[in-house]
Amino acid sequence: MYEELPDEELFGPGDFSDSGELEVDNIMNEAESHENDAQLTPDPLISSNSEPQKTVFPSIPGLFLYKNLLTQEQQNKLVDAIINEGYFERPESNQAMCFGTLPPFIMRVVDIIENIPSIFPDEIKHRKPLFDQSIINVYKPGDGINSHVDLDRFEDGIVIISLLSACAMKFIPAYLINKELGYSDTSTATNPNEVIPVILRPGDVLAMSGPARYDWAHGIEATKIDIIGDERIVRKVRVSITLRKMKEIQVLNQCADN
């Protein structure tokens, strides 16, 4: 099911900065530039006996970054499928939501994620379904999203898939910005003012659970260039897919409303 909702229905009020207009041609042009550099490789699922290389963040338990988890061919297929669905044909559209049984092109990625042995604790990893809600966002250069903790209507265990362009996502202790929303006031950060940047590149998959999901807020600065250490990232059009699972009571309420 596809649904467009106001931004405040997704993360809380005022999260997106400078959403602006976007034409689907921009996505297609960006995808074509990546496809020209693609190396055609098989599209296997990850073996359940293997653990892809991951980056851990000692200050943020439960935050794992799987670099280049998706091959270039897999990324191209995802972008092609998003374009073919027509989510962003209207210039003003920059976000699409799916509930329940997710589209086949997203389920292909879910299959990959389910086969990563330690991406989530067992109680999350073995739930059925692993995800039943997705958000597809398109970011123009300069777009950002304010720091936030995903709403409590969603269960623990969230994944972000990054496509087309790199950017820096910043994590800060959640209580600094949204203590009034009822999330934990206790951060696992040793420094309460700590800011941890995470560079997301095309094909990367970021997983959040436990403290990473509840005690830390994440956001993307509204800028066209990210400076992280000695690295300078010039943003292009970026697509992200966020995967979550709604709490059972939310599913029941939604069915009743329908």
C-alpha atoms as a PDB file:
ATOM      1  CA  MET A   1       0.000   0.000   0.000  1.00  0.00           C
ATOM      2  CA  TYR A   2       1.328   3.473  -0.891  1.00  0.00           C
ATOM      3  CA  GLU A   3       0.494   6.533   1.150  1.00  0.00           C
ATOM      4  CA  GLU A   4       1.812  10.059   1.387  1.00  0.00           C
ATOM      5  CA  LEU A   5       1.558  11.718   4.783  1.00  0.00           C
ATOM      6  CA  PRO A   6       2.614  15.108   6.133  1.00  0.00           C
ATOM      7  CA  ASP A   7       6.112  15.182   7.584  1.00  0.00           C
ATOM      8  CA  GLU A   8       4.789  15.457  11.134  1.00  0.00           C
ATOM      9  CA  GLU A   9       3.083  12.080  10.755  1.00  0.00           C
ATOM     10  CA  LEU A  10       6.440  10.436  10.140  1.00  0.00           C
ATOM     11  CA  PHE A  11       8.898  11.711  12.730  1.00  0.00           C
ATOM     12  CA  GLY A  12       7.211  14.548  14.584  1.00  0.00           C
ATOM     13  CA  PRO A  13       6.758  18.211  13.636  1.00  0.00           C
ATOM     14  CA  GLY A  14       9.237  20.131  11.555  1.00  0.00           C
ATOM     15  CA  ASP A  15      11.790  17.457  10.757  1.00  0.00           C
ATOM     16  CA  PHE A  16      12.514  18.059   7.078  1.00  0.00           C
ATOM     17  CA  SER A  17      14.482  21.115   6.036  1.00  0.00           C
ATOM     18  CA  ASP A  18      14.160  22.525   2.517  1.00  0.00           C
ATOM     19  CA  SER A  19      12.345  19.595   0.919  1.00  0.00           C
ATOM     20  CA  GLY A  20      11.807  21.593  -2.275  1.00  0.00           C
ATOM     21  CA  GLU A  21      10.724  20.265  -5.666  1.00  0.00           C
ATOM     22  CA  LEU A  22      12.276  17.318  -7.439  1.00  0.00           C
ATOM     23  CA  GLU A  23      11.641  15.804 -10.846  1.00  0.00           C
ATOM     24  CA  VAL A  24      12.025  12.099 -11.493  1.00  0.00           C
ATOM     25  CA  ASP A  25      14.471  12.931 -14.308  1.00  0.00           C
ATOM     26  CA  ASN A  26      16.996  13.983 -11.671  1.00  0.00           C
ATOM     27  CA  ILE A  27      16.866  10.528 -10.116  1.00  0.00           C
ATOM     28  CA  MET A  28      17.137   8.835 -13.493  1.00  0.00           C
ATOM     29  CA  ASN A  29      20.132  10.943 -14.516  1.00  0.00           C
ATOM     30  CA  GLU A  30      21.880  10.201 -11.248  1.00  0.00           C
ATOM     31  CA  ALA A  31      21.137   6.480 -11.571  1.00  0.00           C
ATOM     32  CA  GLU A  32      22.476   6.425 -15.126  1.00  0.00           C
ATOM     33  CA  SER A  33      25.744   8.019 -14.045  1.00  0.00           C
ATOM     34  CA  HIS A  34      26.233   5.234 -11.481  1.00  0.00           C
ATOM     35  CA  GLU A  35      25.137   2.535 -13.894  1.00  0.00           C
ATOM     36  CA  ASN A  36      27.841   3.566 -16.341  1.00  0.00           C
ATOM     37  CA  ASP A  37      30.416   2.734 -13.675  1.00  0.00           C
ATOM     38  CA  ALA A  38      28.750  -0.478 -12.561  1.00  0.00           C
ATOM     39  CA  GLN A  39      30.500  -3.803 -12.677  1.00  0.00           C
ATOM     40  CA  LEU A  40      27.993  -6.495 -13.555  1.00  0.00           C
ATOM     41  CA  THR A  41      28.128  -9.062 -10.794  1.00  0.00           C
ATOM     42  CA  PRO A  42      25.865 -11.877  -9.665  1.00  0.00           C
ATOM     43  CA  ASP A  43      23.066 -10.979  -7.289  1.00  0.00           C
ATOM     44  CA  PRO A  44      23.351 -13.626  -4.583  1.00  0.00           C
ATOM     45  CA  LEU A  45      21.889 -13.384  -1.119  1.00  0.00           C
ATOM     46  CA  ILE A  46      24.324 -13.334   1.746  1.00  0.00           C
ATOM     47  CA  SER A  47      24.946 -16.749   3.239  1.00  0.00           C
ATOM     48  CA  SER A  48      23.488 -17.192   6.695  1.00  0.00           C
ATOM     49  CA  ASN A  49      26.894 -18.523   7.752  1.00  0.00           C
ATOM     50  CA  SER A  50      28.751 -15.334   6.854  1.00  0.00           C
ATOM     51  CA  GLU A  51      28.957 -11.973   8.579  1.00  0.00           C
ATOM     52  CA  PRO A  52      29.543  -8.993   6.282  1.00  0.00           C
ATOM     53  CA  GLN A  53      32.178  -6.555   7.420  1.00  0.00           C
ATOM     54  CA  LYS A  54      30.653  -3.951   9.689  1.00  0.00           C
ATOM     55  CA  THR A  55      31.720  -0.781  11.448  1.00  0.00           C
ATOM     56  CA  VAL A  56      30.795  -0.531  15.116  1.00  0.00           C
ATOM     57  CA  PHE A  57      30.573   2.620  17.203  1.00  0.00           C
ATOM     58  CA  PRO A  58      31.707   2.051  20.816  1.00  0.00           C
ATOM     59  CA  SER A  59      29.824   5.102  22.071  1.00  0.00           C
ATOM     60  CA  ILE A  60      26.564   3.928  20.458  1.00  0.00           C
ATOM     61  CA  PRO A  61      25.692   0.300  21.249  1.00  0.00           C
ATOM     62  CA  GLY A  62      23.422  -1.217  18.621  1.00  0.00           C
ATOM     63  CA  LEU A  63      24.644   0.972  15.740  1.00  0.00           C
ATOM     64  CA  PHE A  64      26.201  -1.008  12.879  1.00  0.00           C
ATOM     65  CA  LEU A  65      27.285   0.258   9.466  1.00  0.00           C
ATOM     66  CA  TYR A  66      27.596  -2.320   6.685  1.00  0.00           C
ATOM     67  CA  LYS A  67      29.662  -0.662   3.975  1.00  0.00           C
ATOM     68  CA  ASN A  68      28.955  -1.593   0.347  1.00  0.00           C
ATOM     69  CA  LEU A  69      26.487  -4.249   1.445  1.00  0.00           C
ATOM     70  CA  LEU A  70      24.603  -3.838  -1.827  1.00  0.00           C
ATOM     71  CA  THR A  71      26.421  -4.341  -5.109  1.00  0.00           C
ATOM     72  CA  GLN A  72      26.214  -1.683  -7.795  1.00  0.00           C
ATOM     73  CA  GLU A  73      23.835  -3.905  -9.727  1.00  0.00           C
ATOM     74  CA  GLN A  74      21.564  -4.304  -6.710  1.00  0.00           C
ATOM     75  CA  GLN A  75      21.577  -0.553  -6.185  1.00  0.00           C
ATOM     76  CA  ASN A  76      20.665   0.055  -9.821  1.00  0.00           C
ATOM     77  CA  LYS A  77      17.792  -2.411  -9.588  1.00  0.00           C
ATOM     78  CA  LEU A  78      16.450  -0.656  -6.508  1.00  0.00           C
ATOM     79  CA  VAL A  79      16.584   2.779  -8.104  1.00  0.00           C
ATOM     80  CA  ASP A  80      15.018   1.464 -11.334  1.00  0.00           C
ATOM     81  CA  ALA A  81      12.186  -0.134  -9.355  1.00  0.00           C
ATOM     82  CA  ILE A  82      11.524   3.086  -7.429  1.00  0.00           C
ATOM     83  CA  ILE A  83      11.359   5.031 -10.692  1.00  0.00           C
ATOM     84  CA  ASN A  84       9.066   2.439 -12.283  1.00  0.00           C
ATOM     85  CA  GLU A  85       6.678   2.627  -9.331  1.00  0.00           C
ATOM     86  CA  GLY A  86       6.100   6.292 -10.179  1.00  0.00           C
ATOM     87  CA  TYR A  87       6.368   7.506  -6.584  1.00  0.00           C
ATOM     88  CA  PHE A  88       8.143  10.718  -7.563  1.00  0.00           C
ATOM     89  CA  GLU A  89       6.586  11.636 -10.886  1.00  0.00           C
ATOM     90  CA  ARG A  90       5.012  14.745  -9.381  1.00  0.00           C
ATOM     91  CA  PRO A  91       7.577  17.536  -8.937  1.00  0.00           C
ATOM     92  CA  GLU A  92       6.471  18.192  -5.358  1.00  0.00           C
ATOM     93  CA  SER A  93       6.853  14.553  -4.279  1.00  0.00           C
ATOM     94  CA  ASN A  94       9.929  13.615  -2.277  1.00  0.00           C
ATOM     95  CA  GLN A  95       8.632  10.882   0.010  1.00  0.00           C
ATOM     96  CA  ALA A  96       6.646   7.650  -0.322  1.00  0.00           C
ATOM     97  CA  MET A  97       5.440   5.227   2.338  1.00  0.00           C
ATOM     98  CA  CYS A  98       4.487   1.550   2.200  1.00  0.00           C
ATOM     99  CA  PHE A  99       2.663  -0.455   4.870  1.00  0.00           C
ATOM    100  CA  GLY A 100       2.008  -4.158   5.379  1.00  0.00           C
ATOM    101  CA  THR A 101       3.409  -6.469   2.718  1.00  0.00           C
ATOM    102  CA  LEU A 102       6.287  -4.505   1.238  1.00  0.00           C
ATOM    103  CA  PRO A 103       6.931  -4.293  -2.529  1.00  0.00           C
ATOM    104  CA  PRO A 104       9.048  -7.108  -4.047  1.00  0.00           C
ATOM    105  CA  PHE A 105      11.983  -4.796  -4.763  1.00  0.00           C
ATOM    106  CA  ILE A 106      12.169  -3.908  -1.066  1.00  0.00           C
ATOM    107  CA  MET A 107      11.647  -7.496   0.074  1.00  0.00           C
ATOM    108  CA  ARG A 108      14.716  -8.480  -1.937  1.00  0.00           C
ATOM    109  CA  VAL A 109      16.782  -6.252   0.359  1.00  0.00           C
ATOM    110  CA  VAL A 110      14.938  -7.546   3.427  1.00  0.00           C
ATOM    111  CA  ASP A 111      16.011 -11.059   2.402  1.00  0.00           C
ATOM    112  CA  ILE A 112      19.622  -9.881   2.441  1.00  0.00           C
ATOM    113  CA  ILE A 113      19.232  -8.213   5.829  1.00  0.00           C
ATOM    114  CA  GLU A 114      17.571 -11.280   7.362  1.00  0.00           C
ATOM    115  CA  ASN A 115      20.644 -13.321   6.464  1.00  0.00           C
ATOM    116  CA  ILE A 116      23.081 -11.119   8.386  1.00  0.00           C
ATOM    117  CA  PRO A 117      23.697 -13.124  11.590  1.00  0.00           C
ATOM    118  CA  SER A 118      24.217 -10.347  14.155  1.00  0.00           C
ATOM    119  CA  ILE A 119      22.549  -7.296  12.658  1.00  0.00           C
ATOM    120  CA  PHE A 120      19.950  -7.302  15.466  1.00  0.00           C
ATOM    121  CA  PRO A 121      19.395  -9.155  18.746  1.00  0.00           C
ATOM    122  CA  ASP A 122      17.583 -12.474  18.245  1.00  0.00           C
ATOM    123  CA  GLU A 123      14.233 -11.199  19.512  1.00  0.00           C
ATOM    124  CA  ILE A 124      14.233  -8.620  16.709  1.00  0.00           C
ATOM    125  CA  LYS A 125      15.905 -10.653  13.987  1.00  0.00           C
ATOM    126  CA  HIS A 126      13.486 -13.588  14.278  1.00  0.00           C
ATOM    127  CA  ARG A 127      10.245 -11.626  14.420  1.00  0.00           C
ATOM    128  CA  LYS A 128       7.812 -12.098  11.568  1.00  0.00           C
ATOM    129  CA  PRO A 129       7.714 -10.001   9.543  1.00  0.00           C
ATOM    130  CA  LEU A 130      11.007  -8.317  10.188  1.00  0.00           C
ATOM    131  CA  PHE A 131       9.645  -5.092   8.654  1.00  0.00           C
ATOM    132  CA  ASP A 132       6.166  -4.037   7.582  1.00  0.00           C
ATOM    133  CA  GLN A 133       6.686  -0.330   6.931  1.00  0.00           C
ATOM    134  CA  SER A 134       9.053   1.544   4.666  1.00  0.00           C
ATOM    135  CA  ILE A 135       9.785   5.154   3.793  1.00  0.00           C
ATOM    136  CA  ILE A 136      11.496   6.122   0.562  1.00  0.00           C
ATOM    137  CA  ASN A 137      12.984   9.619   0.653  1.00  0.00           C
ATOM    138  CA  VAL A 138      14.594  11.618  -2.136  1.00  0.00           C
ATOM    139  CA  TYR A 139      17.054  14.326  -1.105  1.00  0.00           C
ATOM    140  CA  LYS A 140      18.238  17.068  -3.429  1.00  0.00           C
ATOM    141  CA  PRO A 141      21.690  18.556  -2.793  1.00  0.00           C
ATOM    142  CA  GLY A 142      21.300  20.757   0.253  1.00  0.00           C
ATOM    143  CA  ASP A 143      18.300  18.924   1.710  1.00  0.00           C
ATOM    144  CA  GLY A 144      18.454  17.622   5.264  1.00  0.00           C
ATOM    145  CA  ILE A 145      16.353  16.184   8.041  1.00  0.00           C
ATOM    146  CA  ASN A 146      16.381  17.496  11.603  1.00  0.00           C
ATOM    147  CA  SER A 147      17.757  15.280  14.335  1.00  0.00           C
ATOM    148  CA  HIS A 148      15.055  12.959  15.651  1.00  0.00           C
ATOM    149  CA  VAL A 149      14.295   9.649  17.314  1.00  0.00           C
ATOM    150  CA  ASP A 150      11.809   7.557  15.345  1.00  0.00           C
ATOM    151  CA  LEU A 151       8.363   7.569  16.909  1.00  0.00           C
ATOM    152  CA  ASP A 152       7.449   5.066  19.613  1.00  0.00           C
ATOM    153  CA  ARG A 153       4.716   3.621  17.364  1.00  0.00           C
ATOM    154  CA  PHE A 154       7.525   1.635  15.730  1.00  0.00           C
ATOM    155  CA  GLU A 155       9.278  -1.311  17.317  1.00  0.00           C
ATOM    156  CA  ASP A 156      12.981  -1.618  17.990  1.00  0.00           C
ATOM    157  CA  GLY A 157      15.214  -2.439  15.028  1.00  0.00           C
ATOM    158  CA  ILE A 158      15.461   0.065  12.152  1.00  0.00           C
ATOM    159  CA  VAL A 159      17.468  -0.051   8.931  1.00  0.00           C
ATOM    160  CA  ILE A 160      18.480   2.753   6.562  1.00  0.00           C
ATOM    161  CA  ILE A 161      19.620   1.965   3.009  1.00  0.00           C
ATOM    162  CA  SER A 162      21.565   4.687   1.211  1.00  0.00           C
ATOM    163  CA  LEU A 163      21.595   5.059  -2.599  1.00  0.00           C
ATOM    164  CA  LEU A 164      23.067   7.303  -5.324  1.00  0.00           C
ATOM    165  CA  SER A 165      25.013   9.826  -3.234  1.00  0.00           C
ATOM    166  CA  ALA A 166      27.002  10.023  -0.031  1.00  0.00           C
ATOM    167  CA  CYS A 167      26.158  12.209   2.955  1.00  0.00           C
ATOM    168  CA  ALA A 168      26.983  12.528   6.632  1.00  0.00           C
ATOM    169  CA  MET A 169      24.397  11.478   9.218  1.00  0.00           C
ATOM    170  CA  LYS A 170      25.043  12.857  12.686  1.00  0.00           C
ATOM    171  CA  PHE A 171      24.123  11.161  15.961  1.00  0.00           C
ATOM    172  CA  ILE A 172      23.645  13.117  19.181  1.00  0.00           C
ATOM    173  CA  PRO A 173      22.270  12.078  22.588  1.00  0.00           C
ATOM    174  CA  ALA A 174      18.500  12.095  22.201  1.00  0.00           C
ATOM    175  CA  TYR A 175      17.672  13.869  25.427  1.00  0.00           C
ATOM    176  CA  LEU A 176      19.360  17.019  24.137  1.00  0.00           C
ATOM    177  CA  ILE A 177      16.568  17.623  21.641  1.00  0.00           C
ATOM    178  CA  ASN A 178      13.458  15.594  22.381  1.00  0.00           C
ATOM    179  CA  LYS A 179      13.217  14.799  26.059  1.00  0.00           C
ATOM    180  CA  GLU A 180       9.673  16.188  25.941  1.00  0.00           C
ATOM    181  CA  LEU A 181       8.625  13.360  23.571  1.00  0.00           C
ATOM    182  CA  GLY A 182       8.942  10.754  26.317  1.00  0.00           C
ATOM    183  CA  TYR A 183      12.051   8.933  25.148  1.00  0.00           C
ATOM    184  CA  SER A 184      14.810   7.873  27.519  1.00  0.00           C
ATOM    185  CA  ASP A 185      16.575  10.683  29.355  1.00  0.00           C
ATOM    186  CA  THR A 186      19.652   8.507  29.879  1.00  0.00           C
ATOM    187  CA  SER A 187      22.181   8.413  27.083  1.00  0.00           C
ATOM    188  CA  THR A 188      24.966   5.913  26.703  1.00  0.00           C
ATOM    189  CA  ALA A 189      27.268   8.733  25.577  1.00  0.00           C
ATOM    190  CA  THR A 190      30.259   9.284  27.835  1.00  0.00           C
ATOM    191  CA  ASN A 191      30.147  12.941  26.762  1.00  0.00           C
ATOM    192  CA  PRO A 192      26.604  14.360  26.892  1.00  0.00           C
ATOM    193  CA  ASN A 193      27.457  16.824  24.110  1.00  0.00           C
ATOM    194  CA  GLU A 194      28.992  14.171  21.889  1.00  0.00           C
ATOM    195  CA  VAL A 195      28.303  14.348  18.151  1.00  0.00           C
ATOM    196  CA  ILE A 196      29.207  11.289  16.085  1.00  0.00           C
ATOM    197  CA  PRO A 197      29.191  11.632  12.293  1.00  0.00           C
ATOM    198  CA  VAL A 198      28.514   8.549  10.168  1.00  0.00           C
ATOM    199  CA  ILE A 199      29.292   8.753   6.467  1.00  0.00           C
ATOM    200  CA  LEU A 200      26.661   6.939   4.403  1.00  0.00           C
ATOM    201  CA  ARG A 201      27.772   6.003   0.897  1.00  0.00           C
ATOM    202  CA  PRO A 202      25.804   4.393  -1.929  1.00  0.00           C
ATOM    203  CA  GLY A 203      25.155   0.738  -1.103  1.00  0.00           C
ATOM    204  CA  ASP A 204      25.670   1.190   2.638  1.00  0.00           C
ATOM    205  CA  VAL A 205      23.173  -0.197   5.137  1.00  0.00           C
ATOM    206  CA  LEU A 206      22.867   1.282   8.644  1.00  0.00           C
ATOM    207  CA  ALA A 207      21.187  -0.711  11.424  1.00  0.00           C
ATOM    208  CA  MET A 208      19.928   0.745  14.711  1.00  0.00           C
ATOM    209  CA  SER A 209      18.667  -1.132  17.753  1.00  0.00           C
ATOM    210  CA  GLY A 210      18.689  -0.716  21.524  1.00  0.00           C
ATOM    211  CA  PRO A 211      20.475   2.467  22.648  1.00  0.00           C
ATOM    212  CA  ALA A 212      21.168   3.469  19.034  1.00  0.00           C
ATOM    213  CA  ARG A 213      17.441   3.447  18.337  1.00  0.00           C
ATOM    214  CA  TYR A 214      16.139   5.032  21.557  1.00  0.00           C
ATOM    215  CA  ASP A 215      18.931   6.965  23.307  1.00  0.00           C
ATOM    216  CA  TRP A 216      20.462   8.651  20.272  1.00  0.00           C
ATOM    217  CA  ALA A 217      18.918  11.013  17.741  1.00  0.00           C
ATOM    218  CA  HIS A 218      20.023  10.999  14.118  1.00  0.00           C
ATOM    219  CA  GLY A 219      19.756  13.671  11.442  1.00  0.00           C
ATOM    220  CA  ILE A 220      21.295  15.100   8.289  1.00  0.00           C
ATOM    221  CA  GLU A 221      22.426  18.706   8.100  1.00  0.00           C
ATOM    222  CA  ALA A 222      20.910  20.861   5.354  1.00  0.00           C
ATOM    223  CA  THR A 223      24.080  21.540   3.393  1.00  0.00           C
ATOM    224  CA  LYS A 224      25.448  20.810  -0.071  1.00  0.00           C
ATOM    225  CA  ILE A 225      28.893  19.833   1.230  1.00  0.00           C
ATOM    226  CA  ASP A 226      29.795  17.684   4.236  1.00  0.00           C
ATOM    227  CA  ILE A 227      33.213  18.149   5.819  1.00  0.00           C
ATOM    228  CA  ILE A 228      34.145  15.182   8.006  1.00  0.00           C
ATOM    229  CA  GLY A 229      37.766  15.261   9.122  1.00  0.00           C
ATOM    230  CA  ASP A 230      39.859  15.515   5.968  1.00  0.00           C
ATOM    231  CA  GLU A 231      37.019  14.293   3.740  1.00  0.00           C
ATOM    232  CA  ARG A 232      34.900  16.638   1.660  1.00  0.00           C
ATOM    233  CA  ILE A 233      31.616  15.175   0.368  1.00  0.00           C
ATOM    234  CA  VAL A 234      29.784  17.063  -2.380  1.00  0.00           C
ATOM    235  CA  ARG A 235      26.205  15.850  -2.293  1.00  0.00           C
ATOM    236  CA  LYS A 236      24.195  14.859  -5.330  1.00  0.00           C
ATOM    237  CA  VAL A 237      20.650  13.518  -5.497  1.00  0.00           C
ATOM    238  CA  ARG A 238      20.321  10.855  -2.802  1.00  0.00           C
ATOM    239  CA  VAL A 239      17.678   8.197  -2.190  1.00  0.00           C
ATOM    240  CA  SER A 240      17.197   6.476   1.156  1.00  0.00           C
ATOM    241  CA  ILE A 241      14.960   3.594   2.164  1.00  0.00           C
ATOM    242  CA  THR A 242      14.074   3.266   5.850  1.00  0.00           C
ATOM    243  CA  LEU A 243      12.669  -0.066   7.077  1.00  0.00           C
ATOM    244  CA  ARG A 244      10.721  -0.397  10.331  1.00  0.00           C
ATOM    245  CA  LYS A 245       8.066  -2.531  11.991  1.00  0.00           C
ATOM    246  CA  MET A 246       4.918  -1.035  13.437  1.00  0.00           C
ATOM    247  CA  LYS A 247       3.850  -2.058  16.919  1.00  0.00           C
ATOM    248  CA  GLU A 248       0.927  -4.475  16.907  1.00  0.00           C
ATOM    249  CA  ILE A 249      -1.462  -1.986  18.494  1.00  0.00           C
ATOM    250  CA  GLN A 250      -0.687   0.485  15.691  1.00  0.00           C
ATOM    251  CA  VAL A 251      -1.475  -2.145  13.070  1.00  0.00           C
ATOM    252  CA  LEU A 252      -4.797  -2.923  14.767  1.00  0.00           C
ATOM    253  CA  ASN A 253      -5.680   0.765  14.975  1.00  0.00           C
ATOM    254  CA  GLN A 254      -4.854   1.291  11.330  1.00  0.00           C
ATOM    255  CA  CYS A 255      -7.025  -1.673  10.301  1.00  0.00           C
ATOM    256  CA  ALA A 256      -9.890  -0.303  12.393  1.00  0.00           C
ATOM    257  CA  ASP A 257      -9.553   3.109  10.745  1.00  0.00           C
ATOM    258  CA  ASN A 258      -9.724   1.520   7.317  1.00  0.00           C
END
